[in-house]
Protein backbone atom coordinates (compact mmCIF):
# COMPACT_ATOMS: atom_id res chain seq x y z
CA GLU A 1 121.17 108.93 129.44
CA VAL A 2 121.74 109.42 125.72
CA GLN A 3 119.61 107.23 123.50
CA LEU A 4 119.31 106.88 119.75
CA VAL A 5 116.49 104.67 118.51
CA GLU A 6 116.19 103.73 114.85
CA SER A 7 112.90 102.67 113.32
CA GLY A 8 111.33 102.28 109.91
CA GLY A 9 113.36 99.40 108.57
CA GLY A 10 111.79 96.45 106.81
CA LEU A 11 111.53 94.42 103.65
CA VAL A 12 110.95 96.17 100.35
CA GLN A 13 111.25 95.27 96.69
CA ALA A 14 113.94 96.77 94.51
CA GLY A 15 112.89 100.21 93.33
CA GLY A 16 110.85 100.81 96.45
CA SER A 17 111.26 103.30 99.29
CA LEU A 18 111.66 103.33 103.04
CA ARG A 19 112.10 106.10 105.57
CA LEU A 20 114.29 105.47 108.57
CA SER A 21 113.92 107.52 111.73
CA CYS A 22 116.49 108.19 114.42
CA ALA A 23 114.84 109.46 117.59
CA ALA A 24 117.33 111.09 119.93
CA SER A 25 117.11 111.82 123.62
CA GLY A 26 119.43 112.78 126.46
CA PHE A 27 121.23 115.65 124.74
CA SER A 28 120.42 119.06 123.33
CA PHE A 29 119.10 118.99 119.81
CA GLU A 30 120.31 122.54 119.36
CA ARG A 31 123.78 121.31 118.58
CA PHE A 32 124.51 117.95 117.00
CA ALA A 33 125.87 116.02 114.07
CA ILE A 34 124.03 112.82 113.24
CA GLY A 35 125.30 110.27 110.79
CA TRP A 36 123.79 107.19 109.23
CA PHE A 37 125.92 104.13 108.71
CA ARG A 38 125.15 100.66 107.40
CA GLN A 39 126.70 97.26 107.63
CA ALA A 40 125.90 94.30 105.42
CA PRO A 41 126.83 90.73 106.40
CA GLY A 42 130.52 90.12 105.80
CA LYS A 43 131.20 93.72 104.87
CA GLU A 44 132.73 96.72 106.58
CA ARG A 45 130.57 99.36 108.20
CA GLU A 46 129.95 102.09 105.64
CA GLY A 47 129.05 105.73 106.10
CA VAL A 48 125.87 106.71 104.27
CA SER A 49 124.88 110.26 105.15
CA CYS A 50 125.21 112.96 107.77
CA ILE A 51 123.51 116.17 108.86
CA THR A 52 124.29 118.83 111.43
CA SER A 53 121.96 120.85 113.61
CA THR A 54 122.57 123.94 111.52
CA GLU A 55 121.66 121.96 108.36
CA GLU A 56 124.46 123.81 106.69
CA SER A 57 126.24 120.50 106.24
CA SER A 58 124.58 117.40 104.85
CA VAL A 59 126.58 114.88 102.90
CA TYR A 60 126.09 111.56 101.18
CA ALA A 61 128.17 108.60 100.17
CA ASP A 62 128.58 108.28 96.41
CA SER A 63 126.63 105.00 96.47
CA VAL A 64 123.44 106.73 97.65
CA LYS A 65 123.65 110.20 96.12
CA GLY A 66 120.49 111.12 94.29
CA ARG A 67 118.53 108.32 95.96
CA PHE A 68 118.73 109.04 99.70
CA ALA A 69 117.84 112.26 101.50
CA ILE A 70 118.60 113.16 105.11
CA SER A 71 116.57 115.65 107.11
CA SER A 72 115.90 116.63 110.69
CA ASP A 73 112.87 117.68 112.70
CA ASN A 74 114.27 119.56 115.65
CA ALA A 75 110.87 119.80 117.32
CA LYS A 76 110.74 116.00 117.44
CA ASN A 77 114.45 115.44 118.13
CA THR A 78 114.47 113.13 115.13
CA VAL A 79 116.60 112.70 112.03
CA TYR A 80 115.21 110.91 108.99
CA LEU A 81 116.78 109.05 106.11
CA GLN A 82 114.47 108.85 103.12
CA MET A 83 115.64 106.01 100.90
CA ASN A 84 114.28 105.85 97.35
CA SER A 85 115.06 103.64 94.37
CA LEU A 86 116.35 100.98 96.71
CA LYS A 87 118.63 98.29 95.37
CA PRO A 88 119.50 94.85 96.74
CA ASP A 89 122.98 96.25 97.50
CA ASP A 90 121.33 98.60 100.02
CA THR A 91 120.45 95.60 102.19
CA ALA A 92 122.12 96.11 105.57
CA VAL A 93 121.60 97.02 109.18
CA TYR A 94 121.38 100.80 109.35
CA TYR A 95 122.68 102.67 112.39
CA CYS A 96 122.43 106.28 113.39
CA ALA A 97 125.17 107.88 115.44
CA ALA A 98 125.38 111.26 117.14
CA GLU A 99 128.10 113.72 118.02
CA PHE A 100 126.75 116.04 120.68
CA LYS A 101 129.50 116.88 123.17
CA GLY A 102 131.16 119.77 121.36
CA PRO A 103 132.54 122.29 122.11
CA LEU A 104 133.36 123.01 118.50
CA PRO A 105 130.55 123.55 115.96
CA PRO A 106 129.26 120.23 114.63
CA VAL A 107 130.49 119.01 111.28
CA CYS A 108 129.99 115.99 109.08
CA PRO A 109 133.45 114.40 109.00
CA PHE A 110 133.74 113.11 105.44
CA GLY A 111 136.99 112.04 103.87
CA ASN A 112 138.63 109.27 101.90
CA SER A 113 139.92 107.26 104.83
CA TRP A 114 136.70 105.43 105.72
CA PRO A 115 134.22 103.26 103.82
CA GLY A 116 131.53 105.53 102.46
CA GLY A 117 133.64 108.50 103.52
CA LEU A 118 132.12 109.18 106.97
CA ASN A 119 134.42 108.92 110.00
CA PRO A 120 132.72 106.70 112.61
CA LEU A 121 135.22 107.72 115.30
CA TYR A 122 133.78 111.24 115.37
CA PHE A 123 130.49 110.11 116.89
CA ASP A 124 129.80 109.73 120.61
CA SER A 125 126.75 107.50 120.74
CA TRP A 126 125.14 104.86 118.52
CA GLY A 127 121.71 103.34 118.09
CA GLN A 128 120.92 99.66 118.05
CA GLY A 129 120.32 99.45 114.31
CA ALA A 130 117.41 98.79 111.96
CA GLN A 131 117.37 96.04 109.36
CA VAL A 132 116.68 97.04 105.77
CA THR A 133 116.23 94.23 103.27
CA VAL A 134 115.75 94.90 99.56
CA SER A 135 114.60 91.97 97.45
CA SER A 136 115.35 91.70 93.76
């Protein structure tokens, strides 16, 4: 059974930092694309960042460029989202999602058609979400 479990959310003051983790199980970590999305109350789900198993492709939404960094630890089957210089507008439930079925090489499907630029339809499995709250 494929599982994605997010952790590391919480309450932080504006300007602070948090690191989210997405622990994956049930599929090979040799080939994947994992994306982070977020959804604030009353707003559309928004793509935030994405990384592939080759780490040749890692992308960010314009709203988080220069502040967030995505990375992976293949030995731990975990993808991280380091979030720095947090703003109240970053408050949302953050979800990780994985594409692992192939057979084509994994990519991060960014374009202009989706909020934040990341195509949610590309991903096969989703986590339950982690709440991030940034106070002003």
